[in-house]
Amino acid sequence: MIALLARIGNSATGLRSRNLNCWTAAITRKHRAVYERTYPTTLVFSDGSSIEIQYHEPRKIIVLPLNLAELTEAEQKKRLEMRKPKTKVVLAEEIEDSFDENRYLNFNK
């Protein structure tokens, strides 16, 4: 019986060992509540200006949302117009011309 268990391995007995090493964290992100150090991060304000800050999580960029209540009425209208889908321009009338393509058939040889 012992020889049979030795041949089957730890899976038959229910004992599983996990090989934890430096490559384990490469599979997924690090699940930490508090990071030990701070990381350089770009903070972008709603007006478009940006600064470099030290952030407690490793992020590349943080964009602050725009507060529509602080904008003037003209700026609010402009932003709402930018959100609307653009309409396609359709030509309503055709231009009449006197071009005769048969005059140029002799150049086609």
PDB file of N, CA and C in Angstrom:
ATOM      1  N   MET A   1       0.821  -1.196   0.000  1.00  0.00           N
ATOM      2  CA  MET A   1       0.000   0.000   0.000  1.00  0.00           C
ATOM      3  C   MET A   1       0.865   1.261   0.000  1.00  0.00           C
ATOM      4  N   ILE A   2       1.946   1.233   0.744  1.00  0.00           N
ATOM      5  CA  ILE A   2       2.829   2.387   0.822  1.00  0.00           C
ATOM      6  C   ILE A   2       3.504   2.619  -0.523  1.00  0.00           C
ATOM      7  N   ALA A   3       3.858   1.549  -1.192  1.00  0.00           N
ATOM      8  CA  ALA A   3       4.488   1.677  -2.503  1.00  0.00           C
ATOM      9  C   ALA A   3       3.511   2.285  -3.509  1.00  0.00           C
ATOM     10  N   LEU A   4       2.231   1.909  -3.390  1.00  0.00           N
ATOM     11  CA  LEU A   4       1.219   2.458  -4.286  1.00  0.00           C
ATOM     12  C   LEU A   4       1.039   3.952  -4.052  1.00  0.00           C
ATOM     13  N   LEU A   5       1.009   4.391  -2.814  1.00  0.00           N
ATOM     14  CA  LEU A   5       0.875   5.811  -2.493  1.00  0.00           C
ATOM     15  C   LEU A   5       2.107   6.585  -2.944  1.00  0.00           C
ATOM     16  N   ALA A   6       3.263   5.986  -2.829  1.00  0.00           N
ATOM     17  CA  ALA A   6       4.479   6.662  -3.261  1.00  0.00           C
ATOM     18  C   ALA A   6       4.479   6.835  -4.775  1.00  0.00           C
ATOM     19  N   ARG A   7       3.931   5.862  -5.490  1.00  0.00           N
ATOM     20  CA  ARG A   7       3.886   5.960  -6.938  1.00  0.00           C
ATOM     21  C   ARG A   7       2.856   7.000  -7.391  1.00  0.00           C
ATOM     22  N   ILE A   8       1.716   7.071  -6.721  1.00  0.00           N
ATOM     23  CA  ILE A   8       0.655   8.016  -7.090  1.00  0.00           C
ATOM     24  C   ILE A   8       1.060   9.435  -6.728  1.00  0.00           C
ATOM     25  N   GLY A   9       1.702   9.622  -5.606  1.00  0.00           N
ATOM     26  CA  GLY A   9       2.161  10.945  -5.196  1.00  0.00           C
ATOM     27  C   GLY A   9       1.262  11.553  -4.147  1.00  0.00           C
ATOM     28  N   ASN A  10       1.459  12.839  -3.902  1.00  0.00           N
ATOM     29  CA  ASN A  10       0.723  13.537  -2.853  1.00  0.00           C
ATOM     30  C   ASN A  10      -0.730  13.795  -3.224  1.00  0.00           C
ATOM     31  N   SER A  11      -1.095  13.669  -4.492  1.00  0.00           N
ATOM     32  CA  SER A  11      -2.470  13.961  -4.883  1.00  0.00           C
ATOM     33  C   SER A  11      -3.447  12.930  -4.330  1.00  0.00           C
ATOM     34  N   ALA A  12      -2.998  11.724  -4.126  1.00  0.00           N
ATOM     35  CA  ALA A  12      -3.887  10.696  -3.589  1.00  0.00           C
ATOM     36  C   ALA A  12      -4.145  10.896  -2.107  1.00  0.00           C
ATOM     37  N   THR A  13      -3.186  11.403  -1.396  1.00  0.00           N
ATOM     38  CA  THR A  13      -3.358  11.597   0.043  1.00  0.00           C
ATOM     39  C   THR A  13      -4.011  12.927   0.368  1.00  0.00           C
ATOM     40  N   GLY A  14      -4.151  13.784  -0.620  1.00  0.00           N
ATOM     41  CA  GLY A  14      -4.789  15.063  -0.370  1.00  0.00           C
ATOM     42  C   GLY A  14      -3.809  16.138   0.035  1.00  0.00           C
ATOM     43  N   LEU A  15      -2.529  15.814   0.143  1.00  0.00           N
ATOM     44  CA  LEU A  15      -1.526  16.805   0.514  1.00  0.00           C
ATOM     45  C   LEU A  15      -1.018  17.484  -0.745  1.00  0.00           C
ATOM     46  N   ARG A  16      -1.147  18.754  -0.780  1.00  0.00           N
ATOM     47  CA  ARG A  16      -0.661  19.500  -1.935  1.00  0.00           C
ATOM     48  C   ARG A  16       0.312  20.558  -1.427  1.00  0.00           C
ATOM     49  N   SER A  17       1.390  20.680  -2.108  1.00  0.00           N
ATOM     50  CA  SER A  17       2.340  21.730  -1.750  1.00  0.00           C
ATOM     51  C   SER A  17       2.364  22.745  -2.875  1.00  0.00           C
ATOM     52  N   ARG A  18       2.418  23.986  -2.524  1.00  0.00           N
ATOM     53  CA  ARG A  18       2.449  25.056  -3.509  1.00  0.00           C
ATOM     54  C   ARG A  18       3.836  25.653  -3.507  1.00  0.00           C
ATOM     55  N   ASN A  19       4.403  25.775  -4.675  1.00  0.00           N
ATOM     56  CA  ASN A  19       5.745  26.306  -4.799  1.00  0.00           C
ATOM     57  C   ASN A  19       5.663  27.824  -4.933  1.00  0.00           C
ATOM     58  N   LEU A  20       5.823  28.543  -3.839  1.00  0.00           N
ATOM     59  CA  LEU A  20       5.790  29.995  -3.847  1.00  0.00           C
ATOM     60  C   LEU A  20       7.195  30.510  -4.095  1.00  0.00           C
ATOM     61  N   ASN A  21       7.353  31.323  -5.128  1.00  0.00           N
ATOM     62  CA  ASN A  21       8.656  31.884  -5.426  1.00  0.00           C
ATOM     63  C   ASN A  21       8.474  33.282  -6.005  1.00  0.00           C
ATOM     64  N   CYS A  22       9.521  33.834  -6.584  1.00  0.00           N
ATOM     65  CA  CYS A  22       9.466  35.206  -7.083  1.00  0.00           C
ATOM     66  C   CYS A  22       8.582  35.346  -8.318  1.00  0.00           C
ATOM     67  N   TRP A  23       8.257  34.272  -9.022  1.00  0.00           N
ATOM     68  CA  TRP A  23       7.456  34.349 -10.248  1.00  0.00           C
ATOM     69  C   TRP A  23       5.959  34.294  -9.966  1.00  0.00           C
ATOM     70  N   THR A  24       5.566  34.036  -8.743  1.00  0.00           N
ATOM     71  CA  THR A  24       4.148  33.931  -8.403  1.00  0.00           C
ATOM     72  C   THR A  24       3.435  35.264  -8.609  1.00  0.00           C
ATOM     73  N   ALA A  25       4.077  36.362  -8.260  1.00  0.00           N
ATOM     74  CA  ALA A  25       3.446  37.680  -8.390  1.00  0.00           C
ATOM     75  C   ALA A  25       3.337  38.120  -9.841  1.00  0.00           C
ATOM     76  N   ALA A  26       4.036  37.483 -10.751  1.00  0.00           N
ATOM     77  CA  ALA A  26       3.977  37.876 -12.157  1.00  0.00           C
ATOM     78  C   ALA A  26       2.682  37.427 -12.812  1.00  0.00           C
ATOM     79  N   ILE A  27       1.945  36.526 -12.192  1.00  0.00           N
ATOM     80  CA  ILE A  27       0.704  36.027 -12.764  1.00  0.00           C
ATOM     81  C   ILE A  27      -0.409  37.055 -12.623  1.00  0.00           C
ATOM     82  N   THR A  28      -0.477  37.739 -11.530  1.00  0.00           N
ATOM     83  CA  THR A  28      -1.550  38.692 -11.258  1.00  0.00           C
ATOM     84  C   THR A  28      -0.966  39.906 -10.559  1.00  0.00           C
ATOM     85  N   ARG A  29      -1.814  40.837 -10.176  1.00  0.00           N
ATOM     86  CA  ARG A  29      -1.317  42.018  -9.482  1.00  0.00           C
ATOM     87  C   ARG A  29      -1.063  41.700  -8.014  1.00  0.00           C
ATOM     88  N   LYS A  30      -0.336  42.575  -7.356  1.00  0.00           N
ATOM     89  CA  LYS A  30      -0.066  42.392  -5.940  1.00  0.00           C
ATOM     90  C   LYS A  30      -1.294  42.820  -5.148  1.00  0.00           C
ATOM     91  N   HIS A  31      -1.771  41.979  -4.269  1.00  0.00           N
ATOM     92  CA  HIS A  31      -2.970  42.267  -3.487  1.00  0.00           C
ATOM     93  C   HIS A  31      -2.547  42.839  -2.143  1.00  0.00           C
ATOM     94  N   ARG A  32      -2.298  44.143  -2.134  1.00  0.00           N
ATOM     95  CA  ARG A  32      -1.872  44.805  -0.910  1.00  0.00           C
ATOM     96  C   ARG A  32      -2.855  45.908  -0.569  1.00  0.00           C
ATOM     97  N   ALA A  33      -3.117  46.059   0.694  1.00  0.00           N
ATOM     98  CA  ALA A  33      -3.963  47.162   1.142  1.00  0.00           C
ATOM     99  C   ALA A  33      -3.131  48.431   1.297  1.00  0.00           C
ATOM    100  N   VAL A  34      -1.918  48.288   1.799  1.00  0.00           N
ATOM    101  CA  VAL A  34      -1.031  49.426   2.016  1.00  0.00           C
ATOM    102  C   VAL A  34       0.299  49.112   1.355  1.00  0.00           C
ATOM    103  N   TYR A  35       0.749  50.004   0.513  1.00  0.00           N
ATOM    104  CA  TYR A  35       2.049  49.830  -0.128  1.00  0.00           C
ATOM    105  C   TYR A  35       3.128  50.459   0.745  1.00  0.00           C
ATOM    106  N   GLU A  36       4.302  49.880   0.729  1.00  0.00           N
ATOM    107  CA  GLU A  36       5.366  50.301   1.628  1.00  0.00           C
ATOM    108  C   GLU A  36       6.019  51.603   1.204  1.00  0.00           C
ATOM    109  N   ARG A  37       5.937  51.970  -0.038  1.00  0.00           N
ATOM    110  CA  ARG A  37       6.585  53.182  -0.517  1.00  0.00           C
ATOM    111  C   ARG A  37       5.632  53.968  -1.401  1.00  0.00           C
ATOM    112  N   THR A  38       6.049  55.137  -1.847  1.00  0.00           N
ATOM    113  CA  THR A  38       5.219  55.931  -2.752  1.00  0.00           C
ATOM    114  C   THR A  38       5.823  55.883  -4.150  1.00  0.00           C
ATOM    115  N   TYR A  39       4.987  56.158  -5.139  1.00  0.00           N
ATOM    116  CA  TYR A  39       5.381  56.029  -6.534  1.00  0.00           C
ATOM    117  C   TYR A  39       5.138  57.342  -7.262  1.00  0.00           C
ATOM    118  N   PRO A  40       6.009  57.718  -8.195  1.00  0.00           N
ATOM    119  CA  PRO A  40       5.773  58.956  -8.958  1.00  0.00           C
ATOM    120  C   PRO A  40       4.588  58.794  -9.903  1.00  0.00           C
ATOM    121  N   THR A  41       3.650  59.725  -9.824  1.00  0.00           N
ATOM    122  CA  THR A  41       2.413  59.651 -10.596  1.00  0.00           C
ATOM    123  C   THR A  41       2.093  61.028 -11.160  1.00  0.00           C
ATOM    124  N   THR A  42       1.536  61.077 -12.360  1.00  0.00           N
ATOM    125  CA  THR A  42       1.102  62.340 -12.967  1.00  0.00           C
ATOM    126  C   THR A  42      -0.356  62.575 -12.608  1.00  0.00           C
ATOM    127  N   LEU A  43      -0.631  63.740 -12.022  1.00  0.00           N
ATOM    128  CA  LEU A  43      -1.997  64.129 -11.665  1.00  0.00           C
ATOM    129  C   LEU A  43      -2.447  65.196 -12.645  1.00  0.00           C
ATOM    130  N   VAL A  44      -3.533  64.922 -13.395  1.00  0.00           N
ATOM    131  CA  VAL A  44      -4.051  65.855 -14.405  1.00  0.00           C
ATOM    132  C   VAL A  44      -5.319  66.492 -13.854  1.00  0.00           C
ATOM    133  N   PHE A  45      -5.316  67.806 -13.777  1.00  0.00           N
ATOM    134  CA  PHE A  45      -6.481  68.543 -13.292  1.00  0.00           C
ATOM    135  C   PHE A  45      -7.512  68.693 -14.394  1.00  0.00           C
ATOM    136  N   SER A  46      -8.698  69.157 -14.024  1.00  0.00           N
ATOM    137  CA  SER A  46      -9.796  69.257 -14.992  1.00  0.00           C
ATOM    138  C   SER A  46      -9.553  70.355 -16.022  1.00  0.00           C
ATOM    139  N   ASP A  47      -8.688  71.332 -15.721  1.00  0.00           N
ATOM    140  CA  ASP A  47      -8.405  72.382 -16.704  1.00  0.00           C
ATOM    141  C   ASP A  47      -7.311  71.987 -17.684  1.00  0.00           C
ATOM    142  N   GLY A  48      -6.709  70.796 -17.512  1.00  0.00           N
ATOM    143  CA  GLY A  48      -5.693  70.309 -18.441  1.00  0.00           C
ATOM    144  C   GLY A  48      -4.283  70.404 -17.919  1.00  0.00           C
ATOM    145  N   SER A  49      -4.067  71.164 -16.838  1.00  0.00           N
ATOM    146  CA  SER A  49      -2.726  71.255 -16.285  1.00  0.00           C
ATOM    147  C   SER A  49      -2.398  69.985 -15.512  1.00  0.00           C
ATOM    148  N   SER A  50      -1.099  69.694 -15.361  1.00  0.00           N
ATOM    149  CA  SER A  50      -0.699  68.469 -14.683  1.00  0.00           C
ATOM    150  C   SER A  50       0.512  68.724 -13.803  1.00  0.00           C
ATOM    151  N   ILE A  51       0.651  67.903 -12.757  1.00  0.00           N
ATOM    152  CA  ILE A  51       1.789  67.965 -11.851  1.00  0.00           C
ATOM    153  C   ILE A  51       2.234  66.544 -11.540  1.00  0.00           C
ATOM    154  N   GLU A  52       3.447  66.406 -11.061  1.00  0.00           N
ATOM    155  CA  GLU A  52       3.970  65.119 -10.614  1.00  0.00           C
ATOM    156  C   GLU A  52       3.789  65.027  -9.108  1.00  0.00           C
ATOM    157  N   ILE A  53       3.185  63.940  -8.631  1.00  0.00           N
ATOM    158  CA  ILE A  53       2.989  63.734  -7.200  1.00  0.00           C
ATOM    159  C   ILE A  53       3.533  62.364  -6.813  1.00  0.00           C
ATOM    160  N   GLN A  54       3.646  62.123  -5.520  1.00  0.00           N
ATOM    161  CA  GLN A  54       3.993  60.809  -4.988  1.00  0.00           C
ATOM    162  C   GLN A  54       2.696  60.169  -4.502  1.00  0.00           C
ATOM    163  N   TYR A  55       2.332  59.021  -5.083  1.00  0.00           N
ATOM    164  CA  TYR A  55       1.067  58.360  -4.764  1.00  0.00           C
ATOM    165  C   TYR A  55       1.350  57.029  -4.096  1.00  0.00           C
ATOM    166  N   HIS A  56       0.443  56.596  -3.233  1.00  0.00           N
ATOM    167  CA  HIS A  56       0.702  55.388  -2.444  1.00  0.00           C
ATOM    168  C   HIS A  56       0.490  54.096  -3.222  1.00  0.00           C
ATOM    169  N   GLU A  57      -0.107  54.167  -4.421  1.00  0.00           N
ATOM    170  CA  GLU A  57      -0.264  52.989  -5.269  1.00  0.00           C
ATOM    171  C   GLU A  57       0.495  53.210  -6.570  1.00  0.00           C
ATOM    172  N   PRO A  58       1.001  52.144  -7.174  1.00  0.00           N
ATOM    173  CA  PRO A  58       1.737  52.320  -8.431  1.00  0.00           C
ATOM    174  C   PRO A  58       0.798  52.578  -9.609  1.00  0.00           C
ATOM    175  N   ARG A  59       0.588  53.848  -9.929  1.00  0.00           N
ATOM    176  CA  ARG A  59      -0.229  54.261 -11.064  1.00  0.00           C
ATOM    177  C   ARG A  59       0.577  55.210 -11.920  1.00  0.00           C
ATOM    178  N   LYS A  60       0.287  55.223 -13.212  1.00  0.00           N
ATOM    179  CA  LYS A  60       1.026  56.107 -14.108  1.00  0.00           C
ATOM    180  C   LYS A  60       0.393  57.491 -14.161  1.00  0.00           C
ATOM    181  N   ILE A  61      -0.947  57.544 -14.233  1.00  0.00           N
ATOM    182  CA  ILE A  61      -1.631  58.832 -14.393  1.00  0.00           C
ATOM    183  C   ILE A  61      -2.961  58.785 -13.663  1.00  0.00           C
ATOM    184  N   ILE A  62      -3.353  59.928 -13.090  1.00  0.00           N
ATOM    185  CA  ILE A  62      -4.659  60.083 -12.445  1.00  0.00           C
ATOM    186  C   ILE A  62      -5.295  61.336 -13.041  1.00  0.00           C
ATOM    187  N   VAL A  63      -6.499  61.213 -13.578  1.00  0.00           N
ATOM    188  CA  VAL A  63      -7.210  62.342 -14.187  1.00  0.00           C
ATOM    189  C   VAL A  63      -8.382  62.704 -13.291  1.00  0.00           C
ATOM    190  N   LEU A  64      -8.396  63.952 -12.840  1.00  0.00           N
ATOM    191  CA  LEU A  64      -9.503  64.420 -12.003  1.00  0.00           C
ATOM    192  C   LEU A  64     -10.701  64.744 -12.883  1.00  0.00           C
ATOM    193  N   PRO A  65     -11.922  64.449 -12.426  1.00  0.00           N
ATOM    194  CA  PRO A  65     -13.108  64.714 -13.253  1.00  0.00           C
ATOM    195  C   PRO A  65     -13.422  66.205 -13.331  1.00  0.00           C
ATOM    196  N   LEU A  66     -14.168  66.585 -14.363  1.00  0.00           N
ATOM    197  CA  LEU A  66     -14.550  67.966 -14.593  1.00  0.00           C
ATOM    198  C   LEU A  66     -15.865  68.248 -13.884  1.00  0.00           C
ATOM    199  N   ASN A  67     -15.931  69.350 -13.149  1.00  0.00           N
ATOM    200  CA  ASN A  67     -17.157  69.751 -12.470  1.00  0.00           C
ATOM    201  C   ASN A  67     -17.920  70.694 -13.395  1.00  0.00           C
ATOM    202  N   LEU A  68     -19.045  70.228 -13.938  1.00  0.00           N
ATOM    203  CA  LEU A  68     -19.824  71.032 -14.878  1.00  0.00           C
ATOM    204  C   LEU A  68     -20.512  72.216 -14.214  1.00  0.00           C
ATOM    205  N   ALA A  69     -20.714  72.154 -12.894  1.00  0.00           N
ATOM    206  CA  ALA A  69     -21.381  73.256 -12.193  1.00  0.00           C
ATOM    207  C   ALA A  69     -20.497  74.495 -12.131  1.00  0.00           C
ATOM    208  N   GLU A  70     -19.189  74.337 -12.217  1.00  0.00           N
ATOM    209  CA  GLU A  70     -18.277  75.482 -12.146  1.00  0.00           C
ATOM    210  C   GLU A  70     -18.095  76.186 -13.481  1.00  0.00           C
ATOM    211  N   LEU A  71     -18.545  75.598 -14.572  1.00  0.00           N
ATOM    212  CA  LEU A  71     -18.364  76.202 -15.892  1.00  0.00           C
ATOM    213  C   LEU A  71     -19.415  77.273 -16.147  1.00  0.00           C
ATOM    214  N   THR A  72     -19.088  78.198 -17.038  1.00  0.00           N
ATOM    215  CA  THR A  72     -20.073  79.199 -17.434  1.00  0.00           C
ATOM    216  C   THR A  72     -21.084  78.545 -18.374  1.00  0.00           C
ATOM    217  N   GLU A  73     -22.151  79.275 -18.658  1.00  0.00           N
ATOM    218  CA  GLU A  73     -23.209  78.712 -19.503  1.00  0.00           C
ATOM    219  C   GLU A  73     -22.721  78.466 -20.924  1.00  0.00           C
ATOM    220  N   ALA A  74     -21.870  79.352 -21.425  1.00  0.00           N
ATOM    221  CA  ALA A  74     -21.338  79.175 -22.781  1.00  0.00           C
ATOM    222  C   ALA A  74     -20.430  77.943 -22.855  1.00  0.00           C
ATOM    223  N   GLU A  75     -19.596  77.730 -21.826  1.00  0.00           N
ATOM    224  CA  GLU A  75     -18.719  76.561 -21.815  1.00  0.00           C
ATOM    225  C   GLU A  75     -19.518  75.268 -21.683  1.00  0.00           C
ATOM    226  N   GLN A  76     -20.601  75.306 -20.891  1.00  0.00           N
ATOM    227  CA  GLN A  76     -21.457  74.126 -20.752  1.00  0.00           C
ATOM    228  C   GLN A  76     -22.102  73.781 -22.097  1.00  0.00           C
ATOM    229  N   LYS A  77     -22.581  74.794 -22.832  1.00  0.00           N
ATOM    230  CA  LYS A  77     -23.191  74.561 -24.140  1.00  0.00           C
ATOM    231  C   LYS A  77     -22.184  73.967 -25.111  1.00  0.00           C
ATOM    232  N   LYS A  78     -20.962  74.502 -25.079  1.00  0.00           N
ATOM    233  CA  LYS A  78     -19.911  74.024 -25.976  1.00  0.00           C
ATOM    234  C   LYS A  78     -19.589  72.558 -25.693  1.00  0.00           C
ATOM    235  N   ARG A  79     -19.509  72.187 -24.423  1.00  0.00           N
ATOM    236  CA  ARG A  79     -19.220  70.787 -24.060  1.00  0.00           C
ATOM    237  C   ARG A  79     -20.368  69.860 -24.451  1.00  0.00           C
ATOM    238  N   LEU A  80     -21.607  70.303 -24.304  1.00  0.00           N
ATOM    239  CA  LEU A  80     -22.748  69.484 -24.703  1.00  0.00           C
ATOM    240  C   LEU A  80     -22.794  69.311 -26.219  1.00  0.00           C
ATOM    241  N   GLU A  81     -22.413  70.343 -26.959  1.00  0.00           N
ATOM    242  CA  GLU A  81     -22.370  70.233 -28.421  1.00  0.00           C
ATOM    243  C   GLU A  81     -21.289  69.245 -28.869  1.00  0.00           C
ATOM    244  N   MET A  82     -20.181  69.197 -28.138  1.00  0.00           N
ATOM    245  CA  MET A  82     -19.107  68.270 -28.481  1.00  0.00           C
ATOM    246  C   MET A  82     -19.525  66.819 -28.245  1.00  0.00           C
ATOM    247  N   ARG A  83     -20.450  66.597 -27.322  1.00  0.00           N
ATOM    248  CA  ARG A  83     -20.919  65.238 -27.027  1.00  0.00           C
ATOM    249  C   ARG A  83     -21.836  64.679 -28.100  1.00  0.00           C
ATOM    250  N   LYS A  84     -22.577  65.558 -28.786  1.00  0.00           N
ATOM    251  CA  LYS A  84     -23.558  65.110 -29.774  1.00  0.00           C
ATOM    252  C   LYS A  84     -22.850  64.477 -30.962  1.00  0.00           C
ATOM    253  N   PRO A  85     -23.451  63.469 -31.563  1.00  0.00           N
ATOM    254  CA  PRO A  85     -22.820  62.875 -32.747  1.00  0.00           C
ATOM    255  C   PRO A  85     -22.866  63.843 -33.926  1.00  0.00           C
ATOM    256  N   LYS A  86     -21.811  63.817 -34.712  1.00  0.00           N
ATOM    257  CA  LYS A  86     -21.736  64.719 -35.850  1.00  0.00           C
ATOM    258  C   LYS A  86     -22.600  64.182 -36.984  1.00  0.00           C
ATOM    259  N   THR A  87     -23.315  65.095 -37.641  1.00  0.00           N
ATOM    260  CA  THR A  87     -24.179  64.693 -38.744  1.00  0.00           C
ATOM    261  C   THR A  87     -23.392  64.735 -40.048  1.00  0.00           C
ATOM    262  N   LYS A  88     -23.756  63.857 -40.958  1.00  0.00           N
ATOM    263  CA  LYS A  88     -23.091  63.817 -42.247  1.00  0.00           C
ATOM    264  C   LYS A  88     -23.688  64.881 -43.158  1.00  0.00           C
ATOM    265  N   VAL A  89     -22.835  65.494 -43.944  1.00  0.00           N
ATOM    266  CA  VAL A  89     -23.265  66.532 -44.881  1.00  0.00           C
ATOM    267  C   VAL A  89     -23.718  65.850 -46.167  1.00  0.00           C
ATOM    268  N   VAL A  90     -24.926  66.180 -46.601  1.00  0.00           N
ATOM    269  CA  VAL A  90     -25.484  65.605 -47.825  1.00  0.00           C
ATOM    270  C   VAL A  90     -25.663  66.728 -48.835  1.00  0.00           C
ATOM    271  N   LEU A  91     -25.136  66.523 -50.042  1.00  0.00           N
ATOM    272  CA  LEU A  91     -25.310  67.523 -51.097  1.00  0.00           C
ATOM    273  C   LEU A  91     -26.711  67.393 -51.686  1.00  0.00           C
ATOM    274  N   ALA A  92     -27.447  68.480 -51.675  1.00  0.00           N
ATOM    275  CA  ALA A  92     -28.834  68.443 -52.118  1.00  0.00           C
ATOM    276  C   ALA A  92     -28.954  68.656 -53.629  1.00  0.00           C
ATOM    277  N   GLU A  93     -28.100  69.462 -54.206  1.00  0.00           N
ATOM    278  CA  GLU A  93     -28.224  69.767 -55.629  1.00  0.00           C
ATOM    279  C   GLU A  93     -26.971  69.303 -56.369  1.00  0.00           C
ATOM    280  N   GLU A  94     -27.161  68.917 -57.594  1.00  0.00           N
ATOM    281  CA  GLU A  94     -26.036  68.500 -58.418  1.00  0.00           C
ATOM    282  C   GLU A  94     -25.607  69.654 -59.301  1.00  0.00           C
ATOM    283  N   ILE A  95     -24.333  69.691 -59.556  1.00  0.00           N
ATOM    284  CA  ILE A  95     -23.797  70.754 -60.405  1.00  0.00           C
ATOM    285  C   ILE A  95     -23.896  70.289 -61.861  1.00  0.00           C
ATOM    286  N   GLU A  96     -24.472  71.116 -62.692  1.00  0.00           N
ATOM    287  CA  GLU A  96     -24.584  70.781 -64.110  1.00  0.00           C
ATOM    288  C   GLU A  96     -23.337  71.274 -64.828  1.00  0.00           C
ATOM    289  N   ASP A  97     -22.777  70.404 -65.667  1.00  0.00           N
ATOM    290  CA  ASP A  97     -21.606  70.782 -66.424  1.00  0.00           C
ATOM    291  C   ASP A  97     -21.769  70.376 -67.884  1.00  0.00           C
ATOM    292  N   SER A  98     -20.918  70.891 -68.719  1.00  0.00           N
ATOM    293  CA  SER A  98     -20.995  70.595 -70.146  1.00  0.00           C
ATOM    294  C   SER A  98     -19.809  69.728 -70.582  1.00  0.00           C
ATOM    295  N   PHE A  99     -19.342  68.876 -69.705  1.00  0.00           N
ATOM    296  CA  PHE A  99     -18.197  68.033 -70.019  1.00  0.00           C
ATOM    297  C   PHE A  99     -18.647  66.865 -70.899  1.00  0.00           C
ATOM    298  N   ASP A 100     -17.943  66.647 -71.998  1.00  0.00           N
ATOM    299  CA  ASP A 100     -18.259  65.554 -72.910  1.00  0.00           C
ATOM    300  C   ASP A 100     -17.069  64.606 -72.929  1.00  0.00           C
ATOM    301  N   GLU A 101     -17.258  63.423 -72.389  1.00  0.00           N
ATOM    302  CA  GLU A 101     -16.158  62.468 -72.301  1.00  0.00           C
ATOM    303  C   GLU A 101     -15.826  61.832 -73.642  1.00  0.00           C
ATOM    304  N   ASN A 102     -16.744  61.879 -74.599  1.00  0.00           N
ATOM    305  CA  ASN A 102     -16.489  61.303 -75.916  1.00  0.00           C
ATOM    306  C   ASN A 102     -15.424  62.077 -76.697  1.00  0.00           C
ATOM    307  N   ARG A 103     -15.210  63.325 -76.355  1.00  0.00           N
ATOM    308  CA  ARG A 103     -14.191  64.122 -77.036  1.00  0.00           C
ATOM    309  C   ARG A 103     -12.788  63.614 -76.734  1.00  0.00           C
ATOM    310  N   TYR A 104     -12.622  62.929 -75.625  1.00  0.00           N
ATOM    311  CA  TYR A 104     -11.294  62.498 -75.188  1.00  0.00           C
ATOM    312  C   TYR A 104     -11.050  61.012 -75.405  1.00  0.00           C
ATOM    313  N   LEU A 105     -11.887  60.321 -76.151  1.00  0.00           N
ATOM    314  CA  LEU A 105     -11.696  58.887 -76.412  1.00  0.00           C
ATOM    315  C   LEU A 105     -10.476  58.618 -77.270  1.00  0.00           C
ATOM    316  N   ASN A 106     -10.096  59.533 -78.149  1.00  0.00           N
ATOM    317  CA  ASN A 106      -8.941  59.305 -78.999  1.00  0.00           C
ATOM    318  C   ASN A 106      -7.620  59.307 -78.211  1.00  0.00           C
ATOM    319  N   PHE A 107      -7.568  59.878 -77.019  1.00  0.00           N
ATOM    320  CA  PHE A 107      -6.363  59.852 -76.197  1.00  0.00           C
ATOM    321  C   PHE A 107      -6.207  58.543 -75.445  1.00  0.00           C
ATOM    322  N   ASN A 108      -7.207  57.721 -75.459  1.00  0.00           N
ATOM    323  CA  ASN A 108      -7.233  56.468 -74.731  1.00  0.00           C
ATOM    324  C   ASN A 108      -6.473  55.359 -75.439  1.00  0.00           C
ATOM    325  N   LYS A 109      -6.072  55.555 -76.691  1.00  0.00           N
ATOM    326  CA  LYS A 109      -5.421  54.502 -77.489  1.00  0.00           C
ATOM    327  C   LYS A 109      -4.067  54.151 -76.979  1.00  0.00           C
TER     328      LYS A 109
END
